[in-house]
Amino acid sequence: MICANCQQPVPEGSNFCCNCGAKQSAAPAVAPPPPQQTYVKRLVRSTNDRKIAGVCAGLADYFDLDPTIVRVIWLLATLIPGPNIIAYLILWLVLPEGQTRAYPRSAAVSS
């Protein structure tokens, strides 16, 4: 504990400072809790789990899905007429590259 008056160390449990005689507070000062870290989830292209451009892996990480499921859905969506390939190319150009979490390559346990 530190004396608020003379800034000298005071033994724990003492009511008065040994150096200046100032009365010490009954409750020890408690440090405020550290500010909570907030994680902002960003939509980025994957740099560590990419097949073509990392768009599907980035979308999977953003929506907390498996990248294989997103790739299969995207493949099935390209069979339906529409701007699917153009949307992929736009995402490829617009999304910045970034690290996404790593998914295990196999469900088998190595021994």
PDB file of N, CA and C in Angstrom:
ATOM      1  N   MET A   1       0.851  -1.164   0.000  1.00  0.00           N
ATOM      2  CA  MET A   1       0.000   0.000   0.000  1.00  0.00           C
ATOM      3  C   MET A   1       0.904   1.238   0.000  1.00  0.00           C
ATOM      4  N   ILE A   2       0.484   2.297  -0.641  1.00  0.00           N
ATOM      5  CA  ILE A   2       1.260   3.535  -0.760  1.00  0.00           C
ATOM      6  C   ILE A   2       0.498   4.652  -0.045  1.00  0.00           C
ATOM      7  N   CYS A   3       1.218   5.459   0.722  1.00  0.00           N
ATOM      8  CA  CYS A   3       0.602   6.593   1.411  1.00  0.00           C
ATOM      9  C   CYS A   3       0.198   7.653   0.387  1.00  0.00           C
ATOM     10  N   ALA A   4      -1.027   8.147   0.493  1.00  0.00           N
ATOM     11  CA  ALA A   4      -1.514   9.164  -0.436  1.00  0.00           C
ATOM     12  C   ALA A   4      -0.861  10.514  -0.169  1.00  0.00           C
ATOM     13  N   ASN A   5      -0.342  10.722   1.045  1.00  0.00           N
ATOM     14  CA  ASN A   5       0.232  12.007   1.417  1.00  0.00           C
ATOM     15  C   ASN A   5       1.699  12.120   1.006  1.00  0.00           C
ATOM     16  N   CYS A   6       2.523  11.138   1.398  1.00  0.00           N
ATOM     17  CA  CYS A   6       3.967  11.238   1.142  1.00  0.00           C
ATOM     18  C   CYS A   6       4.471  10.263   0.079  1.00  0.00           C
ATOM     19  N   GLN A   7       3.606   9.416  -0.454  1.00  0.00           N
ATOM     20  CA  GLN A   7       3.929   8.474  -1.528  1.00  0.00           C
ATOM     21  C   GLN A   7       4.971   7.438  -1.116  1.00  0.00           C
ATOM     22  N   GLN A   8       5.066   7.136   0.179  1.00  0.00           N
ATOM     23  CA  GLN A   8       5.989   6.124   0.684  1.00  0.00           C
ATOM     24  C   GLN A   8       5.213   4.832   0.950  1.00  0.00           C
ATOM     25  N   PRO A   9       5.887   3.677   0.857  1.00  0.00           N
ATOM     26  CA  PRO A   9       5.184   2.420   1.129  1.00  0.00           C
ATOM     27  C   PRO A   9       4.759   2.329   2.588  1.00  0.00           C
ATOM     28  N   VAL A  10       3.561   1.800   2.814  1.00  0.00           N
ATOM     29  CA  VAL A  10       2.991   1.626   4.141  1.00  0.00           C
ATOM     30  C   VAL A  10       2.712   0.139   4.316  1.00  0.00           C
ATOM     31  N   PRO A  11       3.061  -0.448   5.453  1.00  0.00           N
ATOM     32  CA  PRO A  11       2.766  -1.865   5.665  1.00  0.00           C
ATOM     33  C   PRO A  11       1.267  -2.145   5.574  1.00  0.00           C
ATOM     34  N   GLU A  12       0.934  -3.310   5.047  1.00  0.00           N
ATOM     35  CA  GLU A  12      -0.474  -3.697   4.907  1.00  0.00           C
ATOM     36  C   GLU A  12      -1.135  -3.748   6.274  1.00  0.00           C
ATOM     37  N   GLY A  13      -2.346  -3.242   6.363  1.00  0.00           N
ATOM     38  CA  GLY A  13      -3.108  -3.274   7.611  1.00  0.00           C
ATOM     39  C   GLY A  13      -2.858  -2.088   8.514  1.00  0.00           C
ATOM     40  N   SER A  14      -1.909  -1.210   8.191  1.00  0.00           N
ATOM     41  CA  SER A  14      -1.626  -0.040   9.027  1.00  0.00           C
ATOM     42  C   SER A  14      -2.687   1.025   8.808  1.00  0.00           C
ATOM     43  N   ASN A  15      -3.075   1.709   9.907  1.00  0.00           N
ATOM     44  CA  ASN A  15      -4.055   2.791   9.804  1.00  0.00           C
ATOM     45  C   ASN A  15      -3.384   4.139   9.592  1.00  0.00           C
ATOM     46  N   PHE A  16      -2.076   4.215   9.930  1.00  0.00           N
ATOM     47  CA  PHE A  16      -1.349   5.471   9.794  1.00  0.00           C
ATOM     48  C   PHE A  16      -0.034   5.219   9.071  1.00  0.00           C
ATOM     49  N   CYS A  17       0.462   6.235   8.359  1.00  0.00           N
ATOM     50  CA  CYS A  17       1.736   6.151   7.652  1.00  0.00           C
ATOM     51  C   CYS A  17       2.873   6.246   8.663  1.00  0.00           C
ATOM     52  N   CYS A  18       3.898   5.417   8.515  1.00  0.00           N
ATOM     53  CA  CYS A  18       5.063   5.417   9.419  1.00  0.00           C
ATOM     54  C   CYS A  18       5.928   6.662   9.216  1.00  0.00           C
ATOM     55  N   ASN A  19       5.886   7.261   8.031  1.00  0.00           N
ATOM     56  CA  ASN A  19       6.753   8.397   7.718  1.00  0.00           C
ATOM     57  C   ASN A  19       6.120   9.741   8.058  1.00  0.00           C
ATOM     58  N   CYS A  20       4.880   9.968   7.635  1.00  0.00           N
ATOM     59  CA  CYS A  20       4.270  11.283   7.834  1.00  0.00           C
ATOM     60  C   CYS A  20       3.133  11.259   8.844  1.00  0.00           C
ATOM     61  N   GLY A  21       2.646  10.087   9.239  1.00  0.00           N
ATOM     62  CA  GLY A  21       1.594   9.985  10.240  1.00  0.00           C
ATOM     63  C   GLY A  21       0.198  10.212   9.690  1.00  0.00           C
ATOM     64  N   ALA A  22       0.051  10.298   8.383  1.00  0.00           N
ATOM     65  CA  ALA A  22      -1.271  10.537   7.786  1.00  0.00           C
ATOM     66  C   ALA A  22      -2.143   9.304   7.940  1.00  0.00           C
ATOM     67  N   LYS A  23      -3.441   9.544   8.212  1.00  0.00           N
ATOM     68  CA  LYS A  23      -4.388   8.440   8.345  1.00  0.00           C
ATOM     69  C   LYS A  23      -4.615   7.813   6.978  1.00  0.00           C
ATOM     70  N   GLN A  24      -4.596   6.502   6.954  1.00  0.00           N
ATOM     71  CA  GLN A  24      -4.782   5.763   5.713  1.00  0.00           C
ATOM     72  C   GLN A  24      -6.240   5.337   5.576  1.00  0.00           C
ATOM     73  N   SER A  25      -6.688   5.204   4.365  1.00  0.00           N
ATOM     74  CA  SER A  25      -8.065   4.772   4.139  1.00  0.00           C
ATOM     75  C   SER A  25      -8.212   3.329   4.598  1.00  0.00           C
ATOM     76  N   ALA A  26      -9.398   2.991   5.076  1.00  0.00           N
ATOM     77  CA  ALA A  26      -9.642   1.650   5.607  1.00  0.00           C
ATOM     78  C   ALA A  26      -9.611   0.606   4.506  1.00  0.00           C
ATOM     79  N   ALA A  27     -10.167   0.932   3.356  1.00  0.00           N
ATOM     80  CA  ALA A  27     -10.211  -0.022   2.247  1.00  0.00           C
ATOM     81  C   ALA A  27      -9.037   0.238   1.311  1.00  0.00           C
ATOM     82  N   PRO A  28      -8.301  -0.801   0.965  1.00  0.00           N
ATOM     83  CA  PRO A  28      -7.207  -0.598   0.013  1.00  0.00           C
ATOM     84  C   PRO A  28      -7.760  -0.186  -1.352  1.00  0.00           C
ATOM     85  N   ALA A  29      -7.006   0.645  -2.007  1.00  0.00           N
ATOM     86  CA  ALA A  29      -7.433   1.108  -3.328  1.00  0.00           C
ATOM     87  C   ALA A  29      -7.388  -0.058  -4.313  1.00  0.00           C
ATOM     88  N   VAL A  30      -8.482  -0.240  -5.002  1.00  0.00           N
ATOM     89  CA  VAL A  30      -8.574  -1.318  -5.980  1.00  0.00           C
ATOM     90  C   VAL A  30      -8.432  -0.711  -7.368  1.00  0.00           C
ATOM     91  N   ALA A  31      -7.567  -1.299  -8.134  1.00  0.00           N
ATOM     92  CA  ALA A  31      -7.367  -0.806  -9.503  1.00  0.00           C
ATOM     93  C   ALA A  31      -8.626  -1.067 -10.325  1.00  0.00           C
ATOM     94  N   PRO A  32      -8.998  -0.125 -11.169  1.00  0.00           N
ATOM     95  CA  PRO A  32     -10.185  -0.356 -12.000  1.00  0.00           C
ATOM     96  C   PRO A  32      -9.921  -1.491 -12.979  1.00  0.00           C
ATOM     97  N   PRO A  33     -10.963  -2.227 -13.319  1.00  0.00           N
ATOM     98  CA  PRO A  33     -10.747  -3.333 -14.261  1.00  0.00           C
ATOM     99  C   PRO A  33     -10.290  -2.804 -15.615  1.00  0.00           C
ATOM    100  N   PRO A  34      -9.450  -3.571 -16.302  1.00  0.00           N
ATOM    101  CA  PRO A  34      -8.983  -3.111 -17.617  1.00  0.00           C
ATOM    102  C   PRO A  34     -10.155  -3.032 -18.592  1.00  0.00           C
ATOM    103  N   PRO A  35     -10.082  -2.120 -19.532  1.00  0.00           N
ATOM    104  CA  PRO A  35     -11.172  -2.009 -20.507  1.00  0.00           C
ATOM    105  C   PRO A  35     -11.299  -3.296 -21.317  1.00  0.00           C
ATOM    106  N   GLN A  36     -12.522  -3.665 -21.608  1.00  0.00           N
ATOM    107  CA  GLN A  36     -12.754  -4.884 -22.364  1.00  0.00           C
ATOM    108  C   GLN A  36     -12.371  -4.675 -23.820  1.00  0.00           C
ATOM    109  N   GLN A  37     -11.688  -5.682 -24.346  1.00  0.00           N
ATOM    110  CA  GLN A  37     -11.305  -5.634 -25.747  1.00  0.00           C
ATOM    111  C   GLN A  37     -12.505  -6.032 -26.584  1.00  0.00           C
ATOM    112  N   THR A  38     -12.874  -5.203 -27.507  1.00  0.00           N
ATOM    113  CA  THR A  38     -13.969  -5.535 -28.408  1.00  0.00           C
ATOM    114  C   THR A  38     -13.375  -5.916 -29.748  1.00  0.00           C
ATOM    115  N   TYR A  39     -13.818  -7.029 -30.256  1.00  0.00           N
ATOM    116  CA  TYR A  39     -13.333  -7.513 -31.536  1.00  0.00           C
ATOM    117  C   TYR A  39     -14.360  -7.164 -32.598  1.00  0.00           C
ATOM    118  N   VAL A  40     -13.944  -6.392 -33.559  1.00  0.00           N
ATOM    119  CA  VAL A  40     -14.813  -6.028 -34.665  1.00  0.00           C
ATOM    120  C   VAL A  40     -14.568  -7.022 -35.796  1.00  0.00           C
ATOM    121  N   LYS A  41     -15.600  -7.733 -36.164  1.00  0.00           N
ATOM    122  CA  LYS A  41     -15.469  -8.724 -37.224  1.00  0.00           C
ATOM    123  C   LYS A  41     -15.499  -7.992 -38.567  1.00  0.00           C
ATOM    124  N   ARG A  42     -14.492  -8.249 -39.397  1.00  0.00           N
ATOM    125  CA  ARG A  42     -14.400  -7.595 -40.697  1.00  0.00           C
ATOM    126  C   ARG A  42     -14.524  -8.632 -41.796  1.00  0.00           C
ATOM    127  N   LEU A  43     -15.126  -8.239 -42.876  1.00  0.00           N
ATOM    128  CA  LEU A  43     -15.234  -9.102 -44.042  1.00  0.00           C
ATOM    129  C   LEU A  43     -13.993  -8.884 -44.902  1.00  0.00           C
ATOM    130  N   VAL A  44     -13.147  -9.922 -44.966  1.00  0.00           N
ATOM    131  CA  VAL A  44     -11.902  -9.853 -45.722  1.00  0.00           C
ATOM    132  C   VAL A  44     -11.740 -11.126 -46.541  1.00  0.00           C
ATOM    133  N   ARG A  45     -10.866 -11.057 -47.545  1.00  0.00           N
ATOM    134  CA  ARG A  45     -10.499 -12.271 -48.278  1.00  0.00           C
ATOM    135  C   ARG A  45      -9.466 -13.024 -47.480  1.00  0.00           C
ATOM    136  N   SER A  46      -9.567 -14.332 -47.491  1.00  0.00           N
ATOM    137  CA  SER A  46      -8.643 -15.147 -46.727  1.00  0.00           C
ATOM    138  C   SER A  46      -7.289 -15.229 -47.425  1.00  0.00           C
ATOM    139  N   THR A  47      -6.236 -15.155 -46.626  1.00  0.00           N
ATOM    140  CA  THR A  47      -4.900 -15.353 -47.175  1.00  0.00           C
ATOM    141  C   THR A  47      -4.341 -16.718 -46.808  1.00  0.00           C
ATOM    142  N   ASN A  48      -4.958 -17.379 -45.837  1.00  0.00           N
ATOM    143  CA  ASN A  48      -4.432 -18.665 -45.395  1.00  0.00           C
ATOM    144  C   ASN A  48      -5.317 -19.849 -45.777  1.00  0.00           C
ATOM    145  N   ASP A  49      -6.498 -19.612 -46.338  1.00  0.00           N
ATOM    146  CA  ASP A  49      -7.378 -20.718 -46.746  1.00  0.00           C
ATOM    147  C   ASP A  49      -8.070 -20.333 -48.051  1.00  0.00           C
ATOM    148  N   ARG A  50      -7.298 -20.194 -49.093  1.00  0.00           N
ATOM    149  CA  ARG A  50      -7.876 -19.775 -50.360  1.00  0.00           C
ATOM    150  C   ARG A  50      -7.737 -20.874 -51.404  1.00  0.00           C
ATOM    151  N   LYS A  51      -8.723 -20.935 -52.288  1.00  0.00           N
ATOM    152  CA  LYS A  51      -8.651 -21.837 -53.437  1.00  0.00           C
ATOM    153  C   LYS A  51      -8.415 -21.017 -54.709  1.00  0.00           C
ATOM    154  N   ILE A  52      -9.206 -19.971 -54.899  1.00  0.00           N
ATOM    155  CA  ILE A  52      -9.003 -19.088 -56.053  1.00  0.00           C
ATOM    156  C   ILE A  52      -8.565 -17.712 -55.562  1.00  0.00           C
ATOM    157  N   ALA A  53      -9.473 -17.027 -54.867  1.00  0.00           N
ATOM    158  CA  ALA A  53      -9.138 -15.680 -54.409  1.00  0.00           C
ATOM    159  C   ALA A  53      -9.341 -15.497 -52.912  1.00  0.00           C
ATOM    160  N   GLY A  54      -9.898 -16.482 -52.229  1.00  0.00           N
ATOM    161  CA  GLY A  54     -10.127 -16.377 -50.795  1.00  0.00           C
ATOM    162  C   GLY A  54     -11.447 -15.750 -50.424  1.00  0.00           C
ATOM    163  N   VAL A  55     -12.322 -15.520 -51.405  1.00  0.00           N
ATOM    164  CA  VAL A  55     -13.606 -14.882 -51.137  1.00  0.00           C
ATOM    165  C   VAL A  55     -14.504 -15.807 -50.317  1.00  0.00           C
ATOM    166  N   CYS A  56     -14.628 -17.061 -50.712  1.00  0.00           N
ATOM    167  CA  CYS A  56     -15.514 -17.995 -50.005  1.00  0.00           C
ATOM    168  C   CYS A  56     -15.031 -18.243 -48.581  1.00  0.00           C
ATOM    169  N   ALA A  57     -13.731 -18.375 -48.379  1.00  0.00           N
ATOM    170  CA  ALA A  57     -13.208 -18.577 -47.028  1.00  0.00           C
ATOM    171  C   ALA A  57     -13.416 -17.330 -46.173  1.00  0.00           C
ATOM    172  N   GLY A  58     -13.297 -16.159 -46.769  1.00  0.00           N
ATOM    173  CA  GLY A  58     -13.559 -14.924 -46.038  1.00  0.00           C
ATOM    174  C   GLY A  58     -15.015 -14.800 -45.645  1.00  0.00           C
ATOM    175  N   LEU A  59     -15.924 -15.137 -46.555  1.00  0.00           N
ATOM    176  CA  LEU A  59     -17.350 -15.131 -46.234  1.00  0.00           C
ATOM    177  C   LEU A  59     -17.669 -16.162 -45.164  1.00  0.00           C
ATOM    178  N   ALA A  60     -17.051 -17.339 -45.250  1.00  0.00           N
ATOM    179  CA  ALA A  60     -17.290 -18.384 -44.254  1.00  0.00           C
ATOM    180  C   ALA A  60     -16.831 -17.933 -42.877  1.00  0.00           C
ATOM    181  N   ASP A  61     -15.696 -17.288 -42.792  1.00  0.00           N
ATOM    182  CA  ASP A  61     -15.217 -16.817 -41.499  1.00  0.00           C
ATOM    183  C   ASP A  61     -16.114 -15.711 -40.954  1.00  0.00           C
ATOM    184  N   TYR A  62     -16.582 -14.833 -41.798  1.00  0.00           N
ATOM    185  CA  TYR A  62     -17.442 -13.735 -41.367  1.00  0.00           C
ATOM    186  C   TYR A  62     -18.776 -14.251 -40.825  1.00  0.00           C
ATOM    187  N   PHE A  63     -19.358 -15.247 -41.500  1.00  0.00           N
ATOM    188  CA  PHE A  63     -20.645 -15.788 -41.074  1.00  0.00           C
ATOM    189  C   PHE A  63     -20.499 -17.020 -40.178  1.00  0.00           C
ATOM    190  N   ASP A  64     -19.268 -17.336 -39.767  1.00  0.00           N
ATOM    191  CA  ASP A  64     -18.971 -18.444 -38.868  1.00  0.00           C
ATOM    192  C   ASP A  64     -19.485 -19.779 -39.418  1.00  0.00           C
ATOM    193  N   LEU A  65     -19.125 -20.056 -40.663  1.00  0.00           N
ATOM    194  CA  LEU A  65     -19.495 -21.304 -41.332  1.00  0.00           C
ATOM    195  C   LEU A  65     -18.227 -22.024 -41.783  1.00  0.00           C
ATOM    196  N   ASP A  66     -18.402 -23.255 -42.222  1.00  0.00           N
ATOM    197  CA  ASP A  66     -17.290 -24.006 -42.786  1.00  0.00           C
ATOM    198  C   ASP A  66     -17.047 -23.522 -44.219  1.00  0.00           C
ATOM    199  N   PRO A  67     -15.806 -23.298 -44.625  1.00  0.00           N
ATOM    200  CA  PRO A  67     -15.543 -22.802 -45.979  1.00  0.00           C
ATOM    201  C   PRO A  67     -16.015 -23.755 -47.078  1.00  0.00           C
ATOM    202  N   THR A  68     -15.996 -25.050 -46.815  1.00  0.00           N
ATOM    203  CA  THR A  68     -16.444 -26.012 -47.831  1.00  0.00           C
ATOM    204  C   THR A  68     -17.929 -25.840 -48.120  1.00  0.00           C
ATOM    205  N   ILE A  69     -18.714 -25.581 -47.103  1.00  0.00           N
ATOM    206  CA  ILE A  69     -20.152 -25.371 -47.303  1.00  0.00           C
ATOM    207  C   ILE A  69     -20.387 -24.127 -48.151  1.00  0.00           C
ATOM    208  N   VAL A  70     -19.653 -23.070 -47.870  1.00  0.00           N
ATOM    209  CA  VAL A  70     -19.819 -21.830 -48.646  1.00  0.00           C
ATOM    210  C   VAL A  70     -19.390 -22.060 -50.093  1.00  0.00           C
ATOM    211  N   ARG A  71     -18.318 -22.830 -50.303  1.00  0.00           N
ATOM    212  CA  ARG A  71     -17.872 -23.112 -51.675  1.00  0.00           C
ATOM    213  C   ARG A  71     -18.900 -23.926 -52.442  1.00  0.00           C
ATOM    214  N   VAL A  72     -19.508 -24.911 -51.797  1.00  0.00           N
ATOM    215  CA  VAL A  72     -20.529 -25.732 -52.462  1.00  0.00           C
ATOM    216  C   VAL A  72     -21.762 -24.892 -52.788  1.00  0.00           C
ATOM    217  N   ILE A  73     -22.179 -24.043 -51.850  1.00  0.00           N
ATOM    218  CA  ILE A  73     -23.329 -23.161 -52.114  1.00  0.00           C
ATOM    219  C   ILE A  73     -23.016 -22.221 -53.267  1.00  0.00           C
ATOM    220  N   TRP A  74     -21.796 -21.682 -53.298  1.00  0.00           N
ATOM    221  CA  TRP A  74     -21.419 -20.771 -54.388  1.00  0.00           C
ATOM    222  C   TRP A  74     -21.380 -21.513 -55.725  1.00  0.00           C
ATOM    223  N   LEU A  75     -20.899 -22.734 -55.714  1.00  0.00           N
ATOM    224  CA  LEU A  75     -20.873 -23.533 -56.937  1.00  0.00           C
ATOM    225  C   LEU A  75     -22.284 -23.807 -57.439  1.00  0.00           C
ATOM    226  N   LEU A  76     -23.186 -24.166 -56.537  1.00  0.00           N
ATOM    227  CA  LEU A  76     -24.578 -24.402 -56.938  1.00  0.00           C
ATOM    228  C   LEU A  76     -25.248 -23.110 -57.398  1.00  0.00           C
ATOM    229  N   ALA A  77     -24.882 -22.006 -56.803  1.00  0.00           N
ATOM    230  CA  ALA A  77     -25.461 -20.719 -57.202  1.00  0.00           C
ATOM    231  C   ALA A  77     -25.009 -20.298 -58.593  1.00  0.00           C
ATOM    232  N   THR A  78     -23.814 -20.716 -59.016  1.00  0.00           N
ATOM    233  CA  THR A  78     -23.362 -20.349 -60.360  1.00  0.00           C
ATOM    234  C   THR A  78     -24.114 -21.120 -61.438  1.00  0.00           C
ATOM    235  N   LEU A  79     -24.758 -22.229 -61.065  1.00  0.00           N
ATOM    236  CA  LEU A  79     -25.563 -22.968 -62.043  1.00  0.00           C
ATOM    237  C   LEU A  79     -26.889 -22.279 -62.322  1.00  0.00           C
ATOM    238  N   ILE A  80     -27.332 -21.437 -61.409  1.00  0.00           N
ATOM    239  CA  ILE A  80     -28.565 -20.675 -61.599  1.00  0.00           C
ATOM    240  C   ILE A  80     -28.211 -19.398 -62.356  1.00  0.00           C
ATOM    241  N   PRO A  81     -28.970 -19.092 -63.413  1.00  0.00           N
ATOM    242  CA  PRO A  81     -28.654 -17.870 -64.172  1.00  0.00           C
ATOM    243  C   PRO A  81     -28.764 -16.629 -63.283  1.00  0.00           C
ATOM    244  N   GLY A  82     -27.794 -15.764 -63.422  1.00  0.00           N
ATOM    245  CA  GLY A  82     -27.781 -14.536 -62.638  1.00  0.00           C
ATOM    246  C   GLY A  82     -26.376 -13.974 -62.571  1.00  0.00           C
ATOM    247  N   PRO A  83     -26.205 -12.927 -61.823  1.00  0.00           N
ATOM    248  CA  PRO A  83     -24.903 -12.242 -61.749  1.00  0.00           C
ATOM    249  C   PRO A  83     -23.968 -12.845 -60.700  1.00  0.00           C
ATOM    250  N   ASN A  84     -23.954 -14.153 -60.565  1.00  0.00           N
ATOM    251  CA  ASN A  84     -23.150 -14.786 -59.511  1.00  0.00           C
ATOM    252  C   ASN A  84     -21.656 -14.643 -59.746  1.00  0.00           C
ATOM    253  N   ILE A  85     -21.210 -14.888 -60.951  1.00  0.00           N
ATOM    254  CA  ILE A  85     -19.774 -14.792 -61.242  1.00  0.00           C
ATOM    255  C   ILE A  85     -19.319 -13.335 -61.179  1.00  0.00           C
ATOM    256  N   ILE A  86     -20.175 -12.432 -61.621  1.00  0.00           N
ATOM    257  CA  ILE A  86     -19.835 -11.004 -61.542  1.00  0.00           C
ATOM    258  C   ILE A  86     -19.734 -10.580 -60.078  1.00  0.00           C
ATOM    259  N   ALA A  87     -20.626 -11.092 -59.222  1.00  0.00           N
ATOM    260  CA  ALA A  87     -20.570 -10.764 -57.795  1.00  0.00           C
ATOM    261  C   ALA A  87     -19.264 -11.280 -57.182  1.00  0.00           C
ATOM    262  N   TYR A  88     -18.839 -12.472 -57.580  1.00  0.00           N
ATOM    263  CA  TYR A  88     -17.575 -13.019 -57.073  1.00  0.00           C
ATOM    264  C   TYR A  88     -16.406 -12.138 -57.496  1.00  0.00           C
ATOM    265  N   LEU A  89     -16.408 -11.725 -58.757  1.00  0.00           N
ATOM    266  CA  LEU A  89     -15.319 -10.867 -59.243  1.00  0.00           C
ATOM    267  C   LEU A  89     -15.308  -9.516 -58.535  1.00  0.00           C
ATOM    268  N   ILE A  90     -16.489  -8.971 -58.269  1.00  0.00           N
ATOM    269  CA  ILE A  90     -16.552  -7.688 -57.546  1.00  0.00           C
ATOM    270  C   ILE A  90     -16.030  -7.853 -56.125  1.00  0.00           C
ATOM    271  N   LEU A  91     -16.425  -8.949 -55.451  1.00  0.00           N
ATOM    272  CA  LEU A  91     -15.917  -9.196 -54.100  1.00  0.00           C
ATOM    273  C   LEU A  91     -14.410  -9.407 -54.116  1.00  0.00           C
ATOM    274  N   TRP A  92     -13.909 -10.054 -55.146  1.00  0.00           N
ATOM    275  CA  TRP A  92     -12.472 -10.280 -55.289  1.00  0.00           C
ATOM    276  C   TRP A  92     -11.734  -8.938 -55.357  1.00  0.00           C
ATOM    277  N   LEU A  93     -12.299  -7.989 -56.079  1.00  0.00           N
ATOM    278  CA  LEU A  93     -11.658  -6.686 -56.242  1.00  0.00           C
ATOM    279  C   LEU A  93     -11.841  -5.778 -55.029  1.00  0.00           C
ATOM    280  N   VAL A  94     -13.003  -5.864 -54.370  1.00  0.00           N
ATOM    281  CA  VAL A  94     -13.343  -4.906 -53.319  1.00  0.00           C
ATOM    282  C   VAL A  94     -12.815  -5.315 -51.948  1.00  0.00           C
ATOM    283  N   LEU A  95     -12.888  -6.600 -51.623  1.00  0.00           N
ATOM    284  CA  LEU A  95     -12.508  -7.030 -50.278  1.00  0.00           C
ATOM    285  C   LEU A  95     -10.996  -6.982 -50.086  1.00  0.00           C
ATOM    286  N   PRO A  96     -10.546  -6.439 -48.961  1.00  0.00           N
ATOM    287  CA  PRO A  96      -9.108  -6.444 -48.682  1.00  0.00           C
ATOM    288  C   PRO A  96      -8.663  -7.831 -48.215  1.00  0.00           C
ATOM    289  N   GLU A  97      -7.389  -8.114 -48.373  1.00  0.00           N
ATOM    290  CA  GLU A  97      -6.855  -9.381 -47.882  1.00  0.00           C
ATOM    291  C   GLU A  97      -6.643  -9.288 -46.379  1.00  0.00           C
ATOM    292  N   GLY A  98      -6.855 -10.412 -45.718  1.00  0.00           N
ATOM    293  CA  GLY A  98      -6.651 -10.447 -44.281  1.00  0.00           C
ATOM    294  C   GLY A  98      -6.586 -11.875 -43.795  1.00  0.00           C
ATOM    295  N   GLN A  99      -6.130 -12.040 -42.571  1.00  0.00           N
ATOM    296  CA  GLN A  99      -6.043 -13.364 -41.977  1.00  0.00           C
ATOM    297  C   GLN A  99      -7.426 -13.796 -41.486  1.00  0.00           C
ATOM    298  N   THR A 100      -7.778 -15.026 -41.775  1.00  0.00           N
ATOM    299  CA  THR A 100      -8.972 -15.625 -41.204  1.00  0.00           C
ATOM    300  C   THR A 100      -8.534 -16.814 -40.380  1.00  0.00           C
ATOM    301  N   ARG A 101      -9.437 -17.339 -39.592  1.00  0.00           N
ATOM    302  CA  ARG A 101      -9.035 -18.463 -38.742  1.00  0.00           C
ATOM    303  C   ARG A 101      -8.763 -19.691 -39.582  1.00  0.00           C
ATOM    304  N   ALA A 102      -7.903 -20.521 -39.099  1.00  0.00           N
ATOM    305  CA  ALA A 102      -7.510 -21.731 -39.820  1.00  0.00           C
ATOM    306  C   ALA A 102      -8.461 -22.867 -39.478  1.00  0.00           C
ATOM    307  N   TYR A 103      -8.930 -23.555 -40.464  1.00  0.00           N
ATOM    308  CA  TYR A 103      -9.776 -24.715 -40.284  1.00  0.00           C
ATOM    309  C   TYR A 103      -8.936 -25.960 -40.451  1.00  0.00           C
ATOM    310  N   PRO A 104      -9.250 -27.021 -39.715  1.00  0.00           N
ATOM    311  CA  PRO A 104      -8.475 -28.257 -39.875  1.00  0.00           C
ATOM    312  C   PRO A 104      -8.692 -28.842 -41.261  1.00  0.00           C
ATOM    313  N   ARG A 105      -7.621 -29.364 -41.820  1.00  0.00           N
ATOM    314  CA  ARG A 105      -7.697 -29.941 -43.169  1.00  0.00           C
ATOM    315  C   ARG A 105      -8.400 -31.281 -43.193  1.00  0.00           C
ATOM    316  N   SER A 106      -8.316 -32.030 -42.095  1.00  0.00           N
ATOM    317  CA  SER A 106      -8.891 -33.355 -42.063  1.00  0.00           C
ATOM    318  C   SER A 106      -9.489 -33.605 -40.689  1.00  0.00           C
ATOM    319  N   ALA A 107     -10.516 -34.433 -40.663  1.00  0.00           N
ATOM    320  CA  ALA A 107     -11.127 -34.788 -39.380  1.00  0.00           C
ATOM    321  C   ALA A 107     -10.370 -35.918 -38.708  1.00  0.00           C
ATOM    322  N   ALA A 108      -9.466 -36.564 -39.442  1.00  0.00           N
ATOM    323  CA  ALA A 108      -8.697 -37.668 -38.883  1.00  0.00           C
ATOM    324  C   ALA A 108      -7.680 -37.144 -37.873  1.00  0.00           C
ATOM    325  N   VAL A 109      -7.509 -37.876 -36.809  1.00  0.00           N
ATOM    326  CA  VAL A 109      -6.560 -37.494 -35.777  1.00  0.00           C
ATOM    327  C   VAL A 109      -5.232 -38.167 -36.097  1.00  0.00           C
ATOM    328  N   SER A 110      -4.203 -37.343 -36.153  1.00  0.00           N
ATOM    329  CA  SER A 110      -2.877 -37.906 -36.430  1.00  0.00           C
ATOM    330  C   SER A 110      -2.253 -38.383 -35.129  1.00  0.00           C
ATOM    331  N   SER A 111      -1.573 -39.512 -35.198  1.00  0.00           N
ATOM    332  CA  SER A 111      -0.961 -40.046 -33.979  1.00  0.00           C
ATOM    333  C   SER A 111       0.535 -40.078 -34.080  1.00  0.00           C
TER     334      SER A 111
END
